[in-house]
């Protein structure tokens, strides 16, 4: 993966289809101990949003590679006092080897990437969540032995996860269906980009009909109905999104071998029932573990191994 060394990952579309497949292959090799790579570098985590899985998985991945991690909580840095992003970016570039950023605006992430020469990783913005999709695909690949021609159906808010699933599925040759209420669609620019990438070779569908989306689907995916920063809308969204709940009835309408994914945290008995997330179809905990393996592959690819 030397071709990725020194590059940024701001969007899944920063990768080619072949590079995405190679990253997943490397993640699997690292997970099952087929290769042992070391990377004695320093990763900075600059997170303006709360995080459990992203923060911990990046930290453990870097430690297991032999590197170090600095948690740059904005509340204890000058970012919280209004230091311009361009100044912070240029300073961190002198200290760190790589930087993962979790923030609201995609343009803030792009500012860091423009002013820092080190690799910058999108650890979540309101537009995309590319690292999550790497773990999702690793999980699907483990369950089905392939990604091409698998149908993934997502139910709920057309948020950053939905946006990245559209791009990733189109790149990898998976069919993707996004079922969401009319006023909560994914980014339409990304929808068109995904259709262009798929070029008719795989299915890209956005629909208001959950029954259309679930038919013969092999992967059922959901996320919270109100993302970080939208908490004040949460109660109002519940009746709107109720028809998109991943429940036992919906699962019965999917393929017989269907699995269930959720990027977490889950609001049980809202977007997904307790019975489904704890049921035999659930791959949610393997999916969460795979964040660490996928990000380890990403880190060593962007930094190079020792």
C-alpha atoms as a PDB file:
ATOM      1  CA  UNK A   1       0.000   0.000   0.000  1.00  0.00           C
ATOM      2  CA  UNK A   2       2.916   2.359  -0.604  1.00  0.00           C
ATOM      3  CA  UNK A   3       0.698   4.241  -3.070  1.00  0.00           C
ATOM      4  CA  UNK A   4      -1.271   5.667  -0.099  1.00  0.00           C
ATOM      5  CA  UNK A   5       1.775   6.850   1.853  1.00  0.00           C
ATOM      6  CA  UNK A   6       1.580  10.542   2.682  1.00  0.00           C
ATOM      7  CA  UNK A   7      -1.963  10.999   1.400  1.00  0.00           C
ATOM      8  CA  UNK A   8      -5.076  12.289   3.162  1.00  0.00           C
ATOM      9  CA  UNK A   9      -8.360  10.427   3.622  1.00  0.00           C
ATOM     10  CA  UNK A  10     -11.054  13.101   3.720  1.00  0.00           C
ATOM     11  CA  UNK A  11     -13.628  11.051   1.810  1.00  0.00           C
ATOM     12  CA  UNK A  12     -13.910   7.462   0.617  1.00  0.00           C
ATOM     13  CA  UNK A  13     -13.768   8.893  -2.879  1.00  0.00           C
ATOM     14  CA  UNK A  14     -10.127   9.820  -2.188  1.00  0.00           C
ATOM     15  CA  UNK A  15      -9.452   6.101  -2.727  1.00  0.00           C
ATOM     16  CA  UNK A  16      -9.695   4.134  -5.938  1.00  0.00           C
ATOM     17  CA  UNK A  17     -11.754   0.950  -5.934  1.00  0.00           C
ATOM     18  CA  UNK A  18      -8.568  -1.106  -6.004  1.00  0.00           C
ATOM     19  CA  UNK A  19      -7.068   0.850  -3.102  1.00  0.00           C
ATOM     20  CA  UNK A  20     -10.237   0.294  -1.064  1.00  0.00           C
ATOM     21  CA  UNK A  21     -10.080  -3.449  -1.719  1.00  0.00           C
ATOM     22  CA  UNK A  22      -6.381  -3.566  -0.823  1.00  0.00           C
ATOM     23  CA  UNK A  23      -7.017  -1.715   2.448  1.00  0.00           C
ATOM     24  CA  UNK A  24      -9.643  -4.283   3.394  1.00  0.00           C
ATOM     25  CA  UNK A  25      -7.290  -7.127   2.495  1.00  0.00           C
ATOM     26  CA  UNK A  26      -4.563  -5.589   4.653  1.00  0.00           C
ATOM     27  CA  UNK A  27      -7.005  -5.115   7.536  1.00  0.00           C
ATOM     28  CA  UNK A  28      -7.944  -8.803   7.386  1.00  0.00           C
ATOM     29  CA  UNK A  29      -4.284  -9.850   7.321  1.00  0.00           C
ATOM     30  CA  UNK A  30      -3.530  -7.685  10.357  1.00  0.00           C
ATOM     31  CA  UNK A  31      -6.584  -8.914  12.241  1.00  0.00           C
ATOM     32  CA  UNK A  32      -5.767 -12.591  11.820  1.00  0.00           C
ATOM     33  CA  UNK A  33      -2.040 -12.222  12.414  1.00  0.00           C
ATOM     34  CA  UNK A  34      -0.965 -13.108   8.890  1.00  0.00           C
ATOM     35  CA  UNK A  35       1.374 -10.125   8.885  1.00  0.00           C
ATOM     36  CA  UNK A  36       2.945  -8.063  11.654  1.00  0.00           C
ATOM     37  CA  UNK A  37       3.727  -4.447  10.824  1.00  0.00           C
ATOM     38  CA  UNK A  38       5.240  -1.736  12.989  1.00  0.00           C
ATOM     39  CA  UNK A  39       4.950   2.029  12.721  1.00  0.00           C
ATOM     40  CA  UNK A  40       6.745   4.068  15.373  1.00  0.00           C
ATOM     41  CA  UNK A  41       5.010   7.377  14.654  1.00  0.00           C
ATOM     42  CA  UNK A  42       2.802   9.885  16.515  1.00  0.00           C
ATOM     43  CA  UNK A  43      -0.931  10.188  15.865  1.00  0.00           C
ATOM     44  CA  UNK A  44      -2.889  13.239  16.995  1.00  0.00           C
ATOM     45  CA  UNK A  45      -6.620  13.013  17.707  1.00  0.00           C
ATOM     46  CA  UNK A  46      -8.386  16.360  17.381  1.00  0.00           C
ATOM     47  CA  UNK A  47     -12.020  15.582  18.225  1.00  0.00           C
ATOM     48  CA  UNK A  48     -14.654  18.291  18.532  1.00  0.00           C
ATOM     49  CA  UNK A  49     -17.404  15.673  18.899  1.00  0.00           C
ATOM     50  CA  UNK A  50     -17.899  12.958  21.485  1.00  0.00           C
ATOM     51  CA  UNK A  51     -16.407   9.583  20.606  1.00  0.00           C
ATOM     52  CA  UNK A  52     -16.055   6.100  22.034  1.00  0.00           C
ATOM     53  CA  UNK A  53     -15.279   3.652  19.222  1.00  0.00           C
ATOM     54  CA  UNK A  54     -13.381   6.065  16.963  1.00  0.00           C
ATOM     55  CA  UNK A  55     -11.218   7.434  19.777  1.00  0.00           C
ATOM     56  CA  UNK A  56     -10.429   4.087  21.389  1.00  0.00           C
ATOM     57  CA  UNK A  57      -9.974   2.113  18.165  1.00  0.00           C
ATOM     58  CA  UNK A  58      -7.553   4.663  16.699  1.00  0.00           C
ATOM     59  CA  UNK A  59      -5.631   4.793  19.978  1.00  0.00           C
ATOM     60  CA  UNK A  60      -5.311   1.030  20.382  1.00  0.00           C
ATOM     61  CA  UNK A  61      -4.483   0.570  16.696  1.00  0.00           C
ATOM     62  CA  UNK A  62      -1.626   3.067  16.903  1.00  0.00           C
ATOM     63  CA  UNK A  63      -0.277   1.570  20.135  1.00  0.00           C
ATOM     64  CA  UNK A  64      -0.355  -1.933  18.643  1.00  0.00           C
ATOM     65  CA  UNK A  65       1.644  -0.629  15.685  1.00  0.00           C
ATOM     66  CA  UNK A  66       4.266   0.637  18.136  1.00  0.00           C
ATOM     67  CA  UNK A  67       3.367   4.311  17.843  1.00  0.00           C
ATOM     68  CA  UNK A  68       2.136   7.005  20.210  1.00  0.00           C
ATOM     69  CA  UNK A  69      -1.129   8.947  20.467  1.00  0.00           C
ATOM     70  CA  UNK A  70      -1.822  12.484  21.666  1.00  0.00           C
ATOM     71  CA  UNK A  71      -5.441  13.327  22.490  1.00  0.00           C
ATOM     72  CA  UNK A  72      -5.883  16.961  21.446  1.00  0.00           C
ATOM     73  CA  UNK A  73      -9.148  17.743  23.190  1.00  0.00           C
ATOM     74  CA  UNK A  74     -10.209  21.149  21.834  1.00  0.00           C
ATOM     75  CA  UNK A  75     -11.318  22.177  25.336  1.00  0.00           C
ATOM     76  CA  UNK A  76      -7.725  22.105  26.579  1.00  0.00           C
ATOM     77  CA  UNK A  77      -6.078  23.539  23.477  1.00  0.00           C
ATOM     78  CA  UNK A  78      -6.116  27.022  22.005  1.00  0.00           C
ATOM     79  CA  UNK A  79      -8.701  25.907  19.450  1.00  0.00           C
ATOM     80  CA  UNK A  80     -11.322  26.460  22.172  1.00  0.00           C
ATOM     81  CA  UNK A  81     -10.121  30.074  22.531  1.00  0.00           C
ATOM     82  CA  UNK A  82     -10.475  30.868  18.858  1.00  0.00           C
ATOM     83  CA  UNK A  83      -7.025  30.149  17.443  1.00  0.00           C
ATOM     84  CA  UNK A  84      -7.438  30.085  13.648  1.00  0.00           C
ATOM     85  CA  UNK A  85      -7.538  26.569  12.185  1.00  0.00           C
ATOM     86  CA  UNK A  86      -4.799  27.467   9.720  1.00  0.00           C
ATOM     87  CA  UNK A  87      -2.442  28.332  12.597  1.00  0.00           C
ATOM     88  CA  UNK A  88      -3.253  25.160  14.526  1.00  0.00           C
ATOM     89  CA  UNK A  89      -2.806  23.066  11.394  1.00  0.00           C
ATOM     90  CA  UNK A  90       0.631  24.493  10.607  1.00  0.00           C
ATOM     91  CA  UNK A  91       1.852  23.996  14.170  1.00  0.00           C
ATOM     92  CA  UNK A  92       0.555  20.433  14.515  1.00  0.00           C
ATOM     93  CA  UNK A  93       2.208  19.648  11.211  1.00  0.00           C
ATOM     94  CA  UNK A  94       5.572  20.329  12.905  1.00  0.00           C
ATOM     95  CA  UNK A  95       4.858  18.007  15.858  1.00  0.00           C
ATOM     96  CA  UNK A  96       2.852  15.061  14.570  1.00  0.00           C
ATOM     97  CA  UNK A  97       3.203  12.402  11.904  1.00  0.00           C
ATOM     98  CA  UNK A  98      -0.528  12.030  11.218  1.00  0.00           C
ATOM     99  CA  UNK A  99      -3.747  13.670  12.405  1.00  0.00           C
ATOM    100  CA  UNK A 100      -7.298  12.281  12.735  1.00  0.00           C
ATOM    101  CA  UNK A 101     -10.008  14.926  12.998  1.00  0.00           C
ATOM    102  CA  UNK A 102     -13.610  14.531  14.180  1.00  0.00           C
ATOM    103  CA  UNK A 103     -15.570  17.708  13.610  1.00  0.00           C
ATOM    104  CA  UNK A 104     -18.761  19.186  12.207  1.00  0.00           C
ATOM    105  CA  UNK A 105     -17.939  20.977   8.961  1.00  0.00           C
ATOM    106  CA  UNK A 106     -16.177  19.189   6.112  1.00  0.00           C
ATOM    107  CA  UNK A 107     -14.599  22.503   5.157  1.00  0.00           C
ATOM    108  CA  UNK A 108     -12.773  22.642   8.524  1.00  0.00           C
ATOM    109  CA  UNK A 109     -11.276  19.236   7.800  1.00  0.00           C
ATOM    110  CA  UNK A 110     -10.239  20.432   4.352  1.00  0.00           C
ATOM    111  CA  UNK A 111      -8.610  23.519   5.881  1.00  0.00           C
ATOM    112  CA  UNK A 112      -6.408  21.319   8.065  1.00  0.00           C
ATOM    113  CA  UNK A 113      -5.496  19.183   5.065  1.00  0.00           C
ATOM    114  CA  UNK A 114      -4.607  22.245   3.003  1.00  0.00           C
ATOM    115  CA  UNK A 115      -2.300  23.728   5.641  1.00  0.00           C
ATOM    116  CA  UNK A 116      -0.752  20.562   7.095  1.00  0.00           C
ATOM    117  CA  UNK A 117       1.618  18.448   5.027  1.00  0.00           C
ATOM    118  CA  UNK A 118       1.117  15.352   7.208  1.00  0.00           C
ATOM    119  CA  UNK A 119      -1.710  12.925   6.358  1.00  0.00           C
ATOM    120  CA  UNK A 120      -5.115  14.034   7.649  1.00  0.00           C
ATOM    121  CA  UNK A 121      -7.892  11.503   8.280  1.00  0.00           C
ATOM    122  CA  UNK A 122     -11.612  12.174   8.412  1.00  0.00           C
ATOM    123  CA  UNK A 123     -12.627  10.577  11.712  1.00  0.00           C
ATOM    124  CA  UNK A 124     -16.190  11.875  11.127  1.00  0.00           C
ATOM    125  CA  UNK A 125     -17.741  15.050   9.800  1.00  0.00           C
ATOM    126  CA  UNK A 126     -21.358  15.927   9.159  1.00  0.00           C
ATOM    127  CA  UNK A 127     -20.781  14.982   5.516  1.00  0.00           C
ATOM    128  CA  UNK A 128     -18.951  11.636   5.754  1.00  0.00           C
ATOM    129  CA  UNK A 129     -17.685   8.877   8.046  1.00  0.00           C
ATOM    130  CA  UNK A 130     -15.235   6.942   5.830  1.00  0.00           C
ATOM    131  CA  UNK A 131     -13.418   5.035   8.599  1.00  0.00           C
ATOM    132  CA  UNK A 132     -16.706   3.512   9.742  1.00  0.00           C
ATOM    133  CA  UNK A 133     -17.384   2.124   6.277  1.00  0.00           C
ATOM    134  CA  UNK A 134     -13.979   0.419   6.151  1.00  0.00           C
ATOM    135  CA  UNK A 135     -14.976  -1.568   9.254  1.00  0.00           C
ATOM    136  CA  UNK A 136     -18.448  -2.227   7.848  1.00  0.00           C
ATOM    137  CA  UNK A 137     -17.067  -3.710   4.648  1.00  0.00           C
ATOM    138  CA  UNK A 138     -14.539  -5.833   6.543  1.00  0.00           C
ATOM    139  CA  UNK A 139     -17.468  -7.249   8.532  1.00  0.00           C
ATOM    140  CA  UNK A 140     -19.585  -7.961   5.453  1.00  0.00           C
ATOM    141  CA  UNK A 141     -16.614  -9.602   3.761  1.00  0.00           C
ATOM    142  CA  UNK A 142     -16.083 -11.871   6.778  1.00  0.00           C
ATOM    143  CA  UNK A 143     -19.747 -12.901   6.771  1.00  0.00           C
ATOM    144  CA  UNK A 144     -20.255 -13.518   3.046  1.00  0.00           C
ATOM    145  CA  UNK A 145     -16.754 -14.090   1.702  1.00  0.00           C
ATOM    146  CA  UNK A 146     -17.224 -11.295  -0.827  1.00  0.00           C
ATOM    147  CA  UNK A 147     -18.557  -7.770  -1.282  1.00  0.00           C
ATOM    148  CA  UNK A 148     -19.501  -7.645  -4.938  1.00  0.00           C
ATOM    149  CA  UNK A 149     -23.187  -8.245  -5.665  1.00  0.00           C
ATOM    150  CA  UNK A 150     -24.155  -8.136  -1.974  1.00  0.00           C
ATOM    151  CA  UNK A 151     -27.171  -5.884  -1.298  1.00  0.00           C
ATOM    152  CA  UNK A 152     -26.863  -3.482   1.632  1.00  0.00           C
ATOM    153  CA  UNK A 153     -29.972  -1.613   2.748  1.00  0.00           C
ATOM    154  CA  UNK A 154     -29.762   1.328   5.124  1.00  0.00           C
ATOM    155  CA  UNK A 155     -32.787   2.556   7.087  1.00  0.00           C
ATOM    156  CA  UNK A 156     -33.127   5.927   8.789  1.00  0.00           C
ATOM    157  CA  UNK A 157     -31.549   9.344   8.552  1.00  0.00           C
ATOM    158  CA  UNK A 158     -29.681  10.239   5.363  1.00  0.00           C
ATOM    159  CA  UNK A 159     -26.646  11.274   7.393  1.00  0.00           C
ATOM    160  CA  UNK A 160     -22.858  11.043   7.092  1.00  0.00           C
ATOM    161  CA  UNK A 161     -22.903   7.243   7.387  1.00  0.00           C
ATOM    162  CA  UNK A 162     -25.491   6.975   4.614  1.00  0.00           C
ATOM    163  CA  UNK A 163     -23.387   9.274   2.429  1.00  0.00           C
ATOM    164  CA  UNK A 164     -20.244   7.205   2.890  1.00  0.00           C
ATOM    165  CA  UNK A 165     -22.121   3.929   2.384  1.00  0.00           C
ATOM    166  CA  UNK A 166     -23.366   5.238  -0.966  1.00  0.00           C
ATOM    167  CA  UNK A 167     -19.847   6.008  -2.120  1.00  0.00           C
ATOM    168  CA  UNK A 168     -18.239   2.884  -0.693  1.00  0.00           C
ATOM    169  CA  UNK A 169     -20.829   0.443  -2.025  1.00  0.00           C
ATOM    170  CA  UNK A 170     -20.639   1.968  -5.484  1.00  0.00           C
ATOM    171  CA  UNK A 171     -16.840   1.719  -5.424  1.00  0.00           C
ATOM    172  CA  UNK A 172     -16.761  -1.897  -4.250  1.00  0.00           C
ATOM    173  CA  UNK A 173     -19.588  -3.238  -6.442  1.00  0.00           C
ATOM    174  CA  UNK A 174     -22.246  -3.677  -3.743  1.00  0.00           C
ATOM    175  CA  UNK A 175     -25.891  -2.824  -4.301  1.00  0.00           C
ATOM    176  CA  UNK A 176     -26.959  -0.044  -1.951  1.00  0.00           C
ATOM    177  CA  UNK A 177     -30.454   1.070  -1.014  1.00  0.00           C
ATOM    178  CA  UNK A 178     -31.081   4.032   1.275  1.00  0.00           C
ATOM    179  CA  UNK A 179     -34.569   4.128   2.800  1.00  0.00           C
ATOM    180  CA  UNK A 180     -35.300   7.437   4.497  1.00  0.00           C
ATOM    181  CA  UNK A 181     -38.139   9.970   4.908  1.00  0.00           C
ATOM    182  CA  UNK A 182     -38.499  12.537   2.132  1.00  0.00           C
ATOM    183  CA  UNK A 183     -37.103  15.461   4.121  1.00  0.00           C
ATOM    184  CA  UNK A 184     -34.108  13.504   5.455  1.00  0.00           C
ATOM    185  CA  UNK A 185     -32.438  12.344   2.265  1.00  0.00           C
ATOM    186  CA  UNK A 186     -28.696  11.798   1.942  1.00  0.00           C
ATOM    187  CA  UNK A 187     -26.601  14.446   0.191  1.00  0.00           C
ATOM    188  CA  UNK A 188     -27.915  14.447  -3.379  1.00  0.00           C
ATOM    189  CA  UNK A 189     -24.536  15.435  -4.790  1.00  0.00           C
ATOM    190  CA  UNK A 190     -23.121  12.265  -3.222  1.00  0.00           C
ATOM    191  CA  UNK A 191     -26.060  10.210  -4.521  1.00  0.00           C
ATOM    192  CA  UNK A 192     -25.263  11.337  -8.071  1.00  0.00           C
ATOM    193  CA  UNK A 193     -21.560  10.719  -7.515  1.00  0.00           C
ATOM    194  CA  UNK A 194     -22.324   7.167  -6.327  1.00  0.00           C
ATOM    195  CA  UNK A 195     -24.507   6.497  -9.374  1.00  0.00           C
ATOM    196  CA  UNK A 196     -21.705   7.738 -11.617  1.00  0.00           C
ATOM    197  CA  UNK A 197     -19.171   5.474  -9.886  1.00  0.00           C
ATOM    198  CA  UNK A 198     -21.492   2.459 -10.072  1.00  0.00           C
ATOM    199  CA  UNK A 199     -22.145   3.207 -13.743  1.00  0.00           C
ATOM    200  CA  UNK A 200     -24.990   0.696 -13.882  1.00  0.00           C
ATOM    201  CA  UNK A 201     -22.838  -2.192 -12.648  1.00  0.00           C
ATOM    202  CA  UNK A 202     -24.457  -2.137  -9.209  1.00  0.00           C
ATOM    203  CA  UNK A 203     -27.679  -0.751  -7.785  1.00  0.00           C
ATOM    204  CA  UNK A 204     -27.891   2.701  -6.173  1.00  0.00           C
ATOM    205  CA  UNK A 205     -31.382   3.425  -4.880  1.00  0.00           C
ATOM    206  CA  UNK A 206     -32.762   6.120  -2.583  1.00  0.00           C
ATOM    207  CA  UNK A 207     -36.359   5.471  -1.563  1.00  0.00           C
ATOM    208  CA  UNK A 208     -38.982   6.427   1.015  1.00  0.00           C
ATOM    209  CA  UNK A 209     -40.251   2.823   1.031  1.00  0.00           C
ATOM    210  CA  UNK A 210     -38.562   0.556   3.614  1.00  0.00           C
ATOM    211  CA  UNK A 211     -40.280  -2.508   2.164  1.00  0.00           C
ATOM    212  CA  UNK A 212     -38.752  -1.854  -1.232  1.00  0.00           C
ATOM    213  CA  UNK A 213     -35.341  -1.465   0.379  1.00  0.00           C
ATOM    214  CA  UNK A 214     -35.497  -4.614   2.503  1.00  0.00           C
ATOM    215  CA  UNK A 215     -36.548  -7.086  -0.204  1.00  0.00           C
ATOM    216  CA  UNK A 216     -33.802  -9.755  -0.583  1.00  0.00           C
ATOM    217  CA  UNK A 217     -31.279  -7.535   1.214  1.00  0.00           C
ATOM    218  CA  UNK A 218     -28.347  -9.354   2.813  1.00  0.00           C
ATOM    219  CA  UNK A 219     -27.174  -6.485   5.035  1.00  0.00           C
ATOM    220  CA  UNK A 220     -29.580  -4.362   7.074  1.00  0.00           C
ATOM    221  CA  UNK A 221     -27.947  -1.222   8.463  1.00  0.00           C
ATOM    222  CA  UNK A 222     -29.185   1.577  10.680  1.00  0.00           C
ATOM    223  CA  UNK A 223     -27.936   4.516  12.719  1.00  0.00           C
ATOM    224  CA  UNK A 224     -29.417   6.901  15.277  1.00  0.00           C
ATOM    225  CA  UNK A 225     -32.242   9.089  14.003  1.00  0.00           C
ATOM    226  CA  UNK A 226     -30.655  12.289  15.340  1.00  0.00           C
ATOM    227  CA  UNK A 227     -26.901  12.710  14.943  1.00  0.00           C
ATOM    228  CA  UNK A 228     -24.578  14.723  17.171  1.00  0.00           C
ATOM    229  CA  UNK A 229     -25.620  18.363  17.042  1.00  0.00           C
ATOM    230  CA  UNK A 230     -29.244  17.437  16.288  1.00  0.00           C
ATOM    231  CA  UNK A 231     -30.245  16.349  19.796  1.00  0.00           C
ATOM    232  CA  UNK A 232     -32.894  19.061  20.059  1.00  0.00           C
ATOM    233  CA  UNK A 233     -34.711  17.430  17.122  1.00  0.00           C
ATOM    234  CA  UNK A 234     -34.650  13.897  18.549  1.00  0.00           C
ATOM    235  CA  UNK A 235     -38.160  13.728  20.023  1.00  0.00           C
ATOM    236  CA  UNK A 236     -39.765  15.294  16.960  1.00  0.00           C
ATOM    237  CA  UNK A 237     -38.026  12.810  14.681  1.00  0.00           C
ATOM    238  CA  UNK A 238     -39.288   9.660  16.431  1.00  0.00           C
ATOM    239  CA  UNK A 239     -42.750   9.480  14.788  1.00  0.00           C
ATOM    240  CA  UNK A 240     -41.288  10.434  11.401  1.00  0.00           C
ATOM    241  CA  UNK A 241     -38.701   7.671  11.478  1.00  0.00           C
ATOM    242  CA  UNK A 242     -40.741   4.963  13.194  1.00  0.00           C
ATOM    243  CA  UNK A 243     -41.593   3.202   9.883  1.00  0.00           C
ATOM    244  CA  UNK A 244     -37.837   2.797   9.290  1.00  0.00           C
ATOM    245  CA  UNK A 245     -37.103   0.951  12.528  1.00  0.00           C
ATOM    246  CA  UNK A 246     -34.997  -2.197  12.095  1.00  0.00           C
ATOM    247  CA  UNK A 247     -37.218  -4.629  13.956  1.00  0.00           C
ATOM    248  CA  UNK A 248     -38.054  -8.318  13.845  1.00  0.00           C
ATOM    249  CA  UNK A 249     -40.714  -7.849  11.162  1.00  0.00           C
ATOM    250  CA  UNK A 250     -38.347  -5.967   8.868  1.00  0.00           C
ATOM    251  CA  UNK A 251     -35.613  -8.592   9.334  1.00  0.00           C
ATOM    252  CA  UNK A 252     -38.084 -11.342   8.352  1.00  0.00           C
ATOM    253  CA  UNK A 253     -38.593  -9.584   5.003  1.00  0.00           C
ATOM    254  CA  UNK A 254     -34.875  -9.620   4.176  1.00  0.00           C
ATOM    255  CA  UNK A 255     -32.771 -12.424   2.725  1.00  0.00           C
ATOM    256  CA  UNK A 256     -32.655 -15.616   4.797  1.00  0.00           C
ATOM    257  CA  UNK A 257     -28.935 -15.088   5.443  1.00  0.00           C
ATOM    258  CA  UNK A 258     -29.217 -11.375   6.229  1.00  0.00           C
ATOM    259  CA  UNK A 259     -27.027  -9.758   8.880  1.00  0.00           C
ATOM    260  CA  UNK A 260     -27.705  -6.593  10.879  1.00  0.00           C
ATOM    261  CA  UNK A 261     -25.223  -3.743  11.373  1.00  0.00           C
ATOM    262  CA  UNK A 262     -25.303  -0.565  13.466  1.00  0.00           C
ATOM    263  CA  UNK A 263     -22.407   1.888  13.740  1.00  0.00           C
ATOM    264  CA  UNK A 264     -23.304   2.673  17.407  1.00  0.00           C
ATOM    265  CA  UNK A 265     -24.177   4.177  19.776  1.00  0.00           C
ATOM    266  CA  UNK A 266     -27.650   2.632  19.532  1.00  0.00           C
ATOM    267  CA  UNK A 267     -30.883   3.972  20.945  1.00  0.00           C
ATOM    268  CA  UNK A 268     -32.509   0.625  21.581  1.00  0.00           C
ATOM    269  CA  UNK A 269     -36.168   0.323  20.644  1.00  0.00           C
ATOM    270  CA  UNK A 270     -35.904   3.496  18.573  1.00  0.00           C
ATOM    271  CA  UNK A 271     -33.981   2.878  15.321  1.00  0.00           C
ATOM    272  CA  UNK A 272     -33.370  -0.781  16.237  1.00  0.00           C
ATOM    273  CA  UNK A 273     -35.152  -3.109  18.638  1.00  0.00           C
ATOM    274  CA  UNK A 274     -33.343  -4.682  21.541  1.00  0.00           C
ATOM    275  CA  UNK A 275     -34.252  -8.100  20.192  1.00  0.00           C
ATOM    276  CA  UNK A 276     -32.620  -7.464  16.831  1.00  0.00           C
ATOM    277  CA  UNK A 277     -29.385  -5.928  18.112  1.00  0.00           C
ATOM    278  CA  UNK A 278     -29.022  -8.827  20.553  1.00  0.00           C
ATOM    279  CA  UNK A 279     -30.289 -11.421  18.082  1.00  0.00           C
ATOM    280  CA  UNK A 280     -28.546 -14.066  16.023  1.00  0.00           C
ATOM    281  CA  UNK A 281     -28.435 -11.867  12.926  1.00  0.00           C
ATOM    282  CA  UNK A 282     -26.541  -9.088  14.675  1.00  0.00           C
ATOM    283  CA  UNK A 283     -22.910  -8.535  13.684  1.00  0.00           C
ATOM    284  CA  UNK A 284     -22.751  -5.232  15.560  1.00  0.00           C
ATOM    285  CA  UNK A 285     -20.005  -6.221  18.018  1.00  0.00           C
ATOM    286  CA  UNK A 286     -17.757  -7.729  15.339  1.00  0.00           C
ATOM    287  CA  UNK A 287     -18.391  -4.560  13.336  1.00  0.00           C
ATOM    288  CA  UNK A 288     -17.295  -2.424  16.293  1.00  0.00           C
ATOM    289  CA  UNK A 289     -14.128  -4.488  16.792  1.00  0.00           C
ATOM    290  CA  UNK A 290     -13.303  -4.145  13.123  1.00  0.00           C
ATOM    291  CA  UNK A 291     -12.954  -0.384  13.522  1.00  0.00           C
ATOM    292  CA  UNK A 292      -9.589  -1.075  15.158  1.00  0.00           C
ATOM    293  CA  UNK A 293      -8.338  -3.458  12.472  1.00  0.00           C
ATOM    294  CA  UNK A 294      -9.479  -1.292   9.568  1.00  0.00           C
ATOM    295  CA  UNK A 295      -7.921   1.827  11.064  1.00  0.00           C
ATOM    296  CA  UNK A 296      -4.686  -0.002  11.776  1.00  0.00           C
ATOM    297  CA  UNK A 297      -4.506  -0.839   8.067  1.00  0.00           C
ATOM    298  CA  UNK A 298      -5.265   2.769   7.186  1.00  0.00           C
ATOM    299  CA  UNK A 299      -2.646   4.201   9.543  1.00  0.00           C
ATOM    300  CA  UNK A 300       0.145   1.935   8.365  1.00  0.00           C
ATOM    301  CA  UNK A 301      -0.785   2.595   4.720  1.00  0.00           C
ATOM    302  CA  UNK A 302      -0.737   6.388   5.091  1.00  0.00           C
ATOM    303  CA  UNK A 303       2.424   6.396   7.224  1.00  0.00           C
ATOM    304  CA  UNK A 304       4.341   3.406   5.884  1.00  0.00           C
ATOM    305  CA  UNK A 305       5.742   0.641   8.081  1.00  0.00           C
ATOM    306  CA  UNK A 306       9.107   0.734   9.869  1.00  0.00           C
END
